[in-house]
Amino acid sequence: MGWLIFLIIAVAVVAGVFWAKKHFRTEIDRAKRINRANKDK
């Protein structure tokens, strides 16, 4: 039974990561650009 719970959690995490990457790509790119600009100063 424990492996079934682990499998469900693993699937949820993977799905969440894929959704976050799709949804937050623009925000992540903006944050990276800001961080790079701050490092250059």
Protein backbone atom coordinates (compact mmCIF):
# COMPACT_ATOMS: atom_id res chain seq x y z
CA MET A 1 0.00 0.00 0.00
CA GLY A 2 2.90 2.37 0.76
CA TRP A 3 4.21 2.18 -2.82
CA LEU A 4 0.78 3.15 -4.14
CA ILE A 5 0.78 6.32 -2.03
CA PHE A 6 4.36 7.04 -3.16
CA LEU A 7 3.33 6.55 -6.81
CA ILE A 8 0.39 8.97 -6.43
CA ILE A 9 2.65 11.58 -4.79
CA ALA A 10 5.32 11.12 -7.49
CA VAL A 11 2.74 11.59 -10.28
CA ALA A 12 1.32 14.68 -8.54
CA VAL A 13 4.81 16.20 -8.16
CA VAL A 14 5.71 15.54 -11.81
CA ALA A 15 2.39 16.99 -13.01
CA GLY A 16 2.86 20.02 -10.75
CA VAL A 17 6.38 20.63 -12.08
CA PHE A 18 5.21 20.41 -15.70
CA TRP A 19 2.28 22.77 -14.99
CA ALA A 20 4.54 25.22 -13.14
CA LYS A 21 7.11 25.21 -15.97
CA LYS A 22 4.38 25.92 -18.53
CA HIS A 23 2.63 28.50 -16.38
CA PHE A 24 5.57 30.36 -14.83
CA ARG A 25 8.15 30.28 -17.65
CA THR A 26 7.73 34.00 -18.35
CA GLU A 27 8.04 34.89 -14.65
CA ILE A 28 11.14 32.67 -14.28
CA ASP A 29 12.76 34.27 -17.33
CA ARG A 30 12.00 37.73 -15.94
CA ALA A 31 13.49 36.78 -12.55
CA LYS A 32 16.63 35.38 -14.22
CA ARG A 33 17.03 38.58 -16.26
CA ILE A 34 16.64 40.73 -13.10
CA ASN A 35 19.14 38.55 -11.19
CA ARG A 36 21.65 38.82 -14.05
CA ALA A 37 21.26 42.61 -14.14
CA ASN A 38 21.80 42.79 -10.36
CA LYS A 39 24.96 40.66 -10.61
CA ASP A 40 26.41 42.94 -13.31
CA LYS A 41 26.21 46.00 -11.05
